[in-house]
């Protein structure tokens, strides 16, 4: 379906209505662009852009509430799972008397993007996927040019002294935007009508995203993100092979590998080293056995979690994390959730994952089931070694909640 049909009523023909439709489309593109910029661009050293995005987000809050109320249908089970996880984090922050404002701002980012996507997805419009694909491609291309211009980074972050880039700030955080761009693009290729021009257009954007991402990550040496992109390409290539058993087997095998690496890398006995594991870490991931000193951060995080396992420590500022962890994040999603919200938040997150898998596996399209699962698990795999904000991870949950086969 044409996304314009879902922005204004299609029963009022004329140039004026067409102009209004175009204005509405531009406004929605701007809204999605603002939210993606907040999620994926580092604006800490660009005060004007930062304030512009903050002002745009503030203006979108009442609009998001209106869209949420006017969108037909009830929230999905995944929506309720996200809400439960957010409430769990709020409870832990309230008990710990920590930064409620930071959590509120993150929650509003998720809510606004959810409201924008839901407005279109329930009407079977792929407009958010198209907008995300083109906007993220623009971010990736601009970041690529800036990396060529200043390969050592553009800004120095005061707290840890590291150089930051436009996309994601720390170069290890670039991968989250690239993964979501690739998954959004692949979803479009599967869900759009079999129009030769459309297929050629979005095949071109997919190639551009992949090429720019691989070159950027290889040049900067972000092996975790690069490995994630290569895994996505491998999974995506299986869509060309009409063998569902192979796809299912690949997903199951990858999930098993995820748990094996998660258990060994983060919770292993550091005194016991496997030759094969050492080869993988040093020759494939191009890291030392401390994973670029991540094991120190993980040990510090596990020590803190043991002292407060149920409620965690809530949301804290960069200085607190740097002092307690010797790093700004835990560099691991499981430890991140446990540190902030203890087993209260972890239980809510595991429930969210369970609900998501149940809903995805009930999706009538085998291709959508496969894409949503390999995208989500690739993202989770990358978060063994990095922590990406909930705003980026929530995009996968929104896709899983609302995407379904198009009807004529």
Protein backbone atom coordinates (compact mmCIF):
# COMPACT_ATOMS: atom_id res chain seq x y z
CA UNK A 1 0.00 0.00 0.00
CA UNK A 2 1.03 3.59 -0.56
CA UNK A 3 2.03 5.19 2.72
CA UNK A 4 0.43 8.47 1.62
CA UNK A 5 -3.00 6.85 1.97
CA UNK A 6 -2.45 6.57 5.71
CA UNK A 7 -1.42 10.16 6.32
CA UNK A 8 -4.52 11.95 4.98
CA UNK A 9 -7.91 10.67 3.83
CA UNK A 10 -7.80 9.52 0.24
CA UNK A 11 -11.35 10.67 -0.50
CA UNK A 12 -10.52 14.35 -1.13
CA UNK A 13 -8.77 14.68 -4.49
CA UNK A 14 -7.08 17.83 -5.68
CA UNK A 15 -3.80 19.67 -5.72
CA UNK A 16 -4.34 21.08 -2.24
CA UNK A 17 -4.80 17.64 -0.71
CA UNK A 18 -1.77 16.32 -2.60
CA UNK A 19 0.33 19.21 -1.29
CA UNK A 20 -0.92 18.52 2.26
CA UNK A 21 -0.01 14.86 1.87
CA UNK A 22 3.51 15.77 0.82
CA UNK A 23 3.87 18.14 3.76
CA UNK A 24 2.70 15.40 6.10
CA UNK A 25 5.20 12.97 4.62
CA UNK A 26 8.01 15.49 5.09
CA UNK A 27 6.92 16.04 8.70
CA UNK A 28 6.92 12.30 9.41
CA UNK A 29 10.35 11.92 7.77
CA UNK A 30 11.63 14.77 9.93
CA UNK A 31 10.13 13.19 13.05
CA UNK A 32 11.68 9.79 12.36
CA UNK A 33 14.97 11.50 11.45
CA UNK A 34 15.04 13.36 14.78
CA UNK A 35 14.45 10.17 16.76
CA UNK A 36 17.05 8.19 14.78
CA UNK A 37 19.54 11.02 15.23
CA UNK A 38 18.98 10.91 18.99
CA UNK A 39 19.45 7.15 19.00
CA UNK A 40 22.49 6.84 16.72
CA UNK A 41 24.37 10.14 16.38
CA UNK A 42 26.76 11.60 18.93
CA UNK A 43 25.74 15.24 19.39
CA UNK A 44 27.47 15.95 22.69
CA UNK A 45 29.97 18.31 21.06
CA UNK A 46 27.44 19.86 18.66
CA UNK A 47 25.26 21.96 21.01
CA UNK A 48 23.07 23.49 18.30
CA UNK A 49 22.21 20.12 16.76
CA UNK A 50 21.78 18.58 20.20
CA UNK A 51 19.34 21.32 21.25
CA UNK A 52 17.52 21.09 17.90
CA UNK A 53 17.01 17.34 18.36
CA UNK A 54 15.93 17.85 21.98
CA UNK A 55 13.47 20.57 20.92
CA UNK A 56 12.16 18.32 18.15
CA UNK A 57 11.70 15.46 20.57
CA UNK A 58 9.88 17.73 23.04
CA UNK A 59 7.51 18.85 20.28
CA UNK A 60 6.90 15.22 19.31
CA UNK A 61 5.81 14.11 22.79
CA UNK A 62 2.19 15.38 22.55
CA UNK A 63 2.03 14.28 18.90
CA UNK A 64 3.11 10.77 19.91
CA UNK A 65 0.34 10.63 22.52
CA UNK A 66 -2.21 11.71 19.91
CA UNK A 67 -0.95 9.13 17.42
CA UNK A 68 -1.03 6.41 20.08
CA UNK A 69 -4.64 7.25 20.97
CA UNK A 70 -5.80 7.53 17.36
CA UNK A 71 -4.12 4.37 16.10
CA UNK A 72 -6.68 1.55 15.90
CA UNK A 73 -6.14 -1.68 17.80
CA UNK A 74 -4.78 -2.55 21.20
CA UNK A 75 -1.09 -2.67 22.16
CA UNK A 76 0.53 -6.02 21.46
CA UNK A 77 1.98 -8.43 23.98
CA UNK A 78 5.46 -7.17 23.04
CA UNK A 79 4.36 -3.60 23.80
CA UNK A 80 3.23 -4.72 27.24
CA UNK A 81 6.52 -6.59 27.70
CA UNK A 82 8.48 -3.42 26.90
CA UNK A 83 6.30 -1.49 29.33
CA UNK A 84 6.90 -4.08 32.05
CA UNK A 85 10.66 -3.88 31.52
CA UNK A 86 10.53 -0.07 31.73
CA UNK A 87 8.48 -0.18 34.94
CA UNK A 88 10.95 -2.65 36.46
CA UNK A 89 13.82 -0.26 35.74
CA UNK A 90 11.83 2.65 37.19
CA UNK A 91 11.17 0.71 40.38
CA UNK A 92 14.88 -0.04 40.81
CA UNK A 93 15.81 3.60 40.20
CA UNK A 94 13.23 4.78 42.73
CA UNK A 95 14.46 2.32 45.36
CA UNK A 96 18.08 3.36 44.75
CA UNK A 97 17.22 7.09 44.53
CA UNK A 98 19.17 7.42 41.27
CA UNK A 99 18.67 9.25 38.00
CA UNK A 100 15.00 9.02 37.09
CA UNK A 101 15.35 11.82 34.53
CA UNK A 102 17.82 9.86 32.36
CA UNK A 103 15.51 6.84 32.34
CA UNK A 104 12.53 9.07 31.57
CA UNK A 105 14.26 10.59 28.55
CA UNK A 106 15.18 7.13 27.23
CA UNK A 107 11.62 5.92 27.80
CA UNK A 108 10.21 8.88 25.89
CA UNK A 109 12.55 8.14 22.96
CA UNK A 110 11.21 4.59 22.82
CA UNK A 111 7.59 5.75 23.20
CA UNK A 112 7.81 8.35 20.42
CA UNK A 113 9.43 5.97 17.94
CA UNK A 114 6.91 3.27 18.88
CA UNK A 115 3.99 5.65 18.28
CA UNK A 116 5.38 6.77 14.90
CA UNK A 117 5.96 3.20 13.67
CA UNK A 118 2.68 1.85 15.05
CA UNK A 119 0.69 4.58 13.26
CA UNK A 120 1.88 3.19 9.93
CA UNK A 121 2.43 -0.51 10.64
CA UNK A 122 -1.15 -1.19 11.78
CA UNK A 123 -2.27 0.28 8.44
CA UNK A 124 0.16 -2.05 6.62
CA UNK A 125 2.33 0.84 5.48
CA UNK A 126 6.09 0.28 5.24
CA UNK A 127 6.84 3.99 5.51
CA UNK A 128 8.91 3.69 8.76
CA UNK A 129 11.10 1.00 7.16
CA UNK A 130 11.70 3.14 4.09
CA UNK A 131 12.44 6.23 6.17
CA UNK A 132 14.79 4.33 8.50
CA UNK A 133 16.66 2.78 5.56
CA UNK A 134 17.30 6.07 3.78
CA UNK A 135 18.01 8.12 6.92
CA UNK A 136 20.43 5.56 8.36
CA UNK A 137 22.14 5.23 4.97
CA UNK A 138 22.65 9.01 5.02
CA UNK A 139 24.09 8.82 8.56
CA UNK A 140 26.42 5.97 7.59
CA UNK A 141 27.60 7.75 4.42
CA UNK A 142 28.23 11.04 6.23
CA UNK A 143 30.09 9.23 8.99
CA UNK A 144 32.18 7.42 6.36
CA UNK A 145 33.26 10.75 4.85
CA UNK A 146 34.08 12.15 8.29
CA UNK A 147 36.15 9.05 9.10
CA UNK A 148 38.13 9.60 5.89
CA UNK A 149 38.61 13.23 6.91
CA UNK A 150 39.52 12.58 10.55
CA UNK A 151 40.28 8.87 11.04
CA UNK A 152 41.36 9.35 14.67
CA UNK A 153 38.01 10.83 15.67
CA UNK A 154 36.43 14.27 15.72
CA UNK A 155 35.85 15.03 19.40
CA UNK A 156 37.54 14.05 22.66
CA UNK A 157 35.16 12.78 25.34
CA UNK A 158 36.15 14.36 28.64
CA UNK A 159 35.21 11.51 30.99
CA UNK A 160 37.38 8.79 29.45
CA UNK A 161 39.61 10.81 27.12
CA UNK A 162 38.68 8.74 24.04
CA UNK A 163 38.06 10.18 20.59
CA UNK A 164 34.46 10.09 19.40
CA UNK A 165 32.88 9.92 15.94
CA UNK A 166 29.57 11.14 14.56
CA UNK A 167 27.92 7.73 14.34
CA UNK A 168 27.55 6.24 17.80
CA UNK A 169 30.31 8.26 19.42
CA UNK A 170 32.74 5.49 20.32
CA UNK A 171 33.69 3.58 17.18
CA UNK A 172 32.53 0.32 18.77
CA UNK A 173 28.99 1.74 18.84
CA UNK A 174 28.74 2.36 15.10
CA UNK A 175 27.55 -1.17 14.46
CA UNK A 176 24.12 -0.72 16.04
CA UNK A 177 22.98 1.76 13.38
CA UNK A 178 24.44 -0.38 10.60
CA UNK A 179 22.71 -3.56 11.78
CA UNK A 180 19.32 -1.86 12.03
CA UNK A 181 19.80 -0.27 8.60
CA UNK A 182 20.61 -3.64 7.04
CA UNK A 183 17.70 -5.45 8.73
CA UNK A 184 15.26 -2.66 7.79
CA UNK A 185 16.47 -2.83 4.18
CA UNK A 186 16.16 -6.63 3.99
CA UNK A 187 12.64 -6.43 5.44
CA UNK A 188 11.73 -3.99 2.68
CA UNK A 189 13.11 -6.28 -0.03
CA UNK A 190 10.97 -9.12 1.31
CA UNK A 191 7.77 -7.16 2.00
CA UNK A 192 7.56 -4.73 -0.92
CA UNK A 193 5.58 -5.66 -4.04
CA UNK A 194 7.59 -7.53 -6.67
CA UNK A 195 8.24 -4.38 -8.65
CA UNK A 196 11.51 -4.47 -10.60
CA UNK A 197 12.25 -0.79 -10.00
CA UNK A 198 11.58 -1.03 -6.26
CA UNK A 199 13.68 -4.15 -5.92
CA UNK A 200 16.56 -2.54 -7.83
CA UNK A 201 16.34 0.61 -5.69
CA UNK A 202 16.44 -1.15 -2.35
CA UNK A 203 18.98 -3.69 -3.50
CA UNK A 204 21.20 -0.72 -4.32
CA UNK A 205 20.67 0.82 -0.88
CA UNK A 206 21.45 -2.52 0.78
CA UNK A 207 24.71 -2.86 -1.15
CA UNK A 208 25.65 0.73 -0.31
CA UNK A 209 24.95 0.22 3.41
CA UNK A 210 26.92 -3.02 3.54
CA UNK A 211 29.92 -1.70 1.59
CA UNK A 212 30.18 1.56 3.55
CA UNK A 213 29.73 -0.29 6.85
CA UNK A 214 32.37 -2.92 6.15
CA UNK A 215 34.94 -0.40 4.93
CA UNK A 216 34.34 1.90 7.92
CA UNK A 217 34.49 -0.84 10.53
CA UNK A 218 37.50 -2.59 8.99
CA UNK A 219 39.37 0.72 8.76
CA UNK A 220 38.67 1.60 12.41
CA UNK A 221 39.19 -1.95 13.67
CA UNK A 222 35.79 -2.47 15.31
CA UNK A 223 35.85 -6.27 15.10
CA UNK A 224 32.66 -6.92 17.10
CA UNK A 225 30.55 -4.75 14.81
CA UNK A 226 32.30 -6.04 11.70
CA UNK A 227 31.67 -9.63 12.75
CA UNK A 228 28.02 -8.73 13.38
CA UNK A 229 27.67 -7.29 9.86
CA UNK A 230 29.30 -10.37 8.31
CA UNK A 231 26.96 -12.65 10.30
CA UNK A 232 23.99 -10.63 9.01
CA UNK A 233 25.21 -11.05 5.43
CA UNK A 234 25.53 -14.80 5.91
CA UNK A 235 22.05 -15.07 7.40
CA UNK A 236 20.61 -12.81 4.72
CA UNK A 237 22.16 -14.84 1.91
CA UNK A 238 20.19 -17.87 3.12
CA UNK A 239 17.04 -16.08 1.98
CA UNK A 240 18.20 -16.81 -1.57
CA UNK A 241 18.16 -20.54 -0.83
CA UNK A 242 14.68 -22.17 -0.66
CA UNK A 243 15.64 -24.44 2.22
CA UNK A 244 13.70 -23.64 5.40
CA UNK A 245 15.40 -26.43 7.35
CA UNK A 246 18.77 -24.81 6.66
CA UNK A 247 17.49 -21.43 7.87
CA UNK A 248 15.95 -22.88 11.02
CA UNK A 249 19.07 -24.91 11.71
CA UNK A 250 21.30 -21.87 11.26
CA UNK A 251 19.26 -19.83 13.75
CA UNK A 252 19.22 -22.64 16.34
CA UNK A 253 22.96 -23.21 15.93
CA UNK A 254 23.68 -19.49 16.24
CA UNK A 255 21.62 -19.21 19.44
CA UNK A 256 23.56 -22.15 20.89
CA UNK A 257 26.84 -20.45 19.93
CA UNK A 258 25.59 -17.22 21.53
CA UNK A 259 25.01 -18.90 24.89
CA UNK A 260 28.32 -20.75 24.69
CA UNK A 261 30.30 -17.56 24.00
CA UNK A 262 28.28 -15.57 26.54
CA UNK A 263 28.98 -18.14 29.24
CA UNK A 264 32.63 -18.63 28.38
CA UNK A 265 33.67 -15.04 27.64
CA UNK A 266 31.88 -13.24 30.46
CA UNK A 267 31.45 -15.84 33.19
CA UNK A 268 34.44 -18.11 32.52
CA UNK A 269 37.29 -19.08 34.79
CA UNK A 270 40.06 -16.81 33.53
CA UNK A 271 42.71 -19.33 34.62
CA UNK A 272 41.40 -21.99 32.23
CA UNK A 273 42.13 -21.11 28.60
CA UNK A 274 41.17 -23.23 25.59
CA UNK A 275 43.52 -23.28 22.60
CA UNK A 276 40.59 -23.09 20.17
CA UNK A 277 38.99 -20.24 22.09
CA UNK A 278 42.28 -18.38 22.21
CA UNK A 279 42.65 -18.77 18.43
CA UNK A 280 39.11 -17.42 17.86
CA UNK A 281 39.63 -14.41 20.11
CA UNK A 282 43.10 -13.47 18.87
CA UNK A 283 42.83 -14.35 15.17
CA UNK A 284 39.13 -13.85 14.37
CA UNK A 285 38.06 -11.11 16.77
CA UNK A 286 41.58 -9.58 16.70
CA UNK A 287 41.54 -9.06 20.47
CA UNK A 288 43.64 -10.30 23.36
CA UNK A 289 42.27 -12.75 25.91
CA UNK A 290 41.13 -9.84 28.10
CA UNK A 291 38.94 -8.65 25.17
CA UNK A 292 40.64 -5.26 25.22
CA UNK A 293 40.46 -5.11 29.04
CA UNK A 294 36.75 -5.99 29.09
CA UNK A 295 37.40 -8.84 31.52
CA UNK A 296 38.45 -6.26 34.14
CA UNK A 297 35.22 -4.34 33.62
CA UNK A 298 33.19 -7.57 33.75
CA UNK A 299 34.87 -8.63 37.01
CA UNK A 300 34.17 -5.22 38.54
CA UNK A 301 30.54 -5.40 37.40
CA UNK A 302 30.07 -8.92 38.77
CA UNK A 303 31.52 -7.82 42.10
CA UNK A 304 29.02 -4.96 42.33
CA UNK A 305 26.11 -7.19 41.29
CA UNK A 306 26.94 -9.71 44.00
CA UNK A 307 26.50 -6.96 46.59
CA UNK A 308 23.05 -5.93 45.29
CA UNK A 309 21.66 -8.75 43.12
CA UNK A 310 17.92 -8.04 43.41
CA UNK A 311 17.51 -4.31 42.72
CA UNK A 312 20.88 -3.33 41.23
CA UNK A 313 22.11 0.26 41.42
CA UNK A 314 19.67 2.10 39.17
CA UNK A 315 20.68 4.62 36.49
CA UNK A 316 23.90 6.53 37.22
CA UNK A 317 26.09 9.09 35.46
CA UNK A 318 29.28 8.49 33.47
CA UNK A 319 31.52 9.44 36.38
CA UNK A 320 29.97 6.76 38.61
CA UNK A 321 30.46 4.04 35.99
CA UNK A 322 34.00 5.17 35.25
CA UNK A 323 34.90 5.07 38.94
CA UNK A 324 33.18 1.77 39.73
CA UNK A 325 33.84 -0.17 36.52
CA UNK A 326 36.90 1.61 35.06
CA UNK A 327 34.70 2.09 32.00
CA UNK A 328 31.54 3.92 30.96
CA UNK A 329 29.55 0.71 30.41
CA UNK A 330 29.65 -2.95 31.42
CA UNK A 331 30.36 -3.92 27.78
CA UNK A 332 27.80 -6.71 28.18
CA UNK A 333 23.99 -6.60 28.06
CA UNK A 334 23.39 -9.19 30.78
CA UNK A 335 25.70 -7.43 33.24
CA UNK A 336 24.26 -4.07 32.17
CA UNK A 337 20.71 -5.10 33.10
CA UNK A 338 21.76 -6.82 36.33
CA UNK A 339 23.87 -3.84 37.40
CA UNK A 340 21.08 -1.33 36.81
CA UNK A 341 18.02 -3.33 37.78
CA UNK A 342 19.14 -6.59 39.34
CA UNK A 343 17.01 -9.70 38.94
CA UNK A 344 13.86 -7.59 38.94
CA UNK A 345 14.81 -6.00 35.62
CA UNK A 346 16.44 -9.16 34.27
CA UNK A 347 13.26 -11.17 34.87
CA UNK A 348 11.25 -8.53 33.01
CA UNK A 349 13.72 -8.56 30.12
CA UNK A 350 13.68 -12.36 29.86
CA UNK A 351 9.88 -12.21 29.82
CA UNK A 352 10.06 -9.65 27.00
CA UNK A 353 12.36 -11.94 25.00
CA UNK A 354 10.03 -14.89 25.54
CA UNK A 355 6.96 -12.90 24.46
CA UNK A 356 8.83 -11.62 21.39
CA UNK A 357 9.81 -15.12 20.28
CA UNK A 358 6.26 -16.42 20.76
CA UNK A 359 4.83 -13.61 18.63
CA UNK A 360 7.50 -13.88 15.94
CA UNK A 361 7.07 -17.65 15.64
CA UNK A 362 3.33 -17.09 15.14
CA UNK A 363 3.97 -14.69 12.24
CA UNK A 364 2.39 -16.25 9.12
CA UNK A 365 5.39 -15.32 6.95
CA UNK A 366 8.40 -17.70 7.21
CA UNK A 367 10.64 -15.01 5.72
CA UNK A 368 9.60 -12.43 8.31
CA UNK A 369 10.06 -14.93 11.13
CA UNK A 370 13.55 -15.67 9.89
CA UNK A 371 14.62 -12.04 9.34
CA UNK A 372 13.30 -10.83 12.69
CA UNK A 373 15.00 -13.66 14.56
CA UNK A 374 18.39 -13.41 12.87
CA UNK A 375 18.36 -9.61 13.24
CA UNK A 376 17.52 -9.77 16.94
CA UNK A 377 20.03 -12.51 17.76
CA UNK A 378 22.81 -10.84 15.79
CA UNK A 379 22.18 -7.70 17.84
CA UNK A 380 22.20 -9.71 21.07
CA UNK A 381 25.42 -11.42 19.98
CA UNK A 382 27.12 -8.06 19.46
CA UNK A 383 25.92 -7.04 22.92
CA UNK A 384 28.02 -9.76 24.52
CA UNK A 385 30.90 -7.30 24.09
CA UNK A 386 29.10 -3.94 23.84
CA UNK A 387 26.05 -2.26 25.37
CA UNK A 388 23.69 -0.38 23.08
CA UNK A 389 20.93 1.88 24.47
CA UNK A 390 17.43 0.44 24.83
CA UNK A 391 16.28 2.90 22.14
CA UNK A 392 18.12 0.91 19.47
CA UNK A 393 17.20 -2.52 20.81
CA UNK A 394 13.55 -1.45 21.07
CA UNK A 395 13.40 -1.01 17.30
CA UNK A 396 13.68 -4.79 16.89
CA UNK A 397 10.85 -5.31 19.38
CA UNK A 398 8.68 -2.79 17.50
CA UNK A 399 9.34 -4.59 14.20
CA UNK A 400 8.54 -7.94 15.81
CA UNK A 401 5.32 -6.55 17.32
CA UNK A 402 3.77 -5.12 14.17
CA UNK A 403 5.30 -6.39 10.93
CA UNK A 404 3.26 -8.99 9.11
CA UNK A 405 2.68 -9.98 5.46
CA UNK A 406 1.19 -7.29 3.26
CA UNK A 407 -2.32 -7.78 1.92
CA UNK A 408 -3.62 -6.58 -1.40
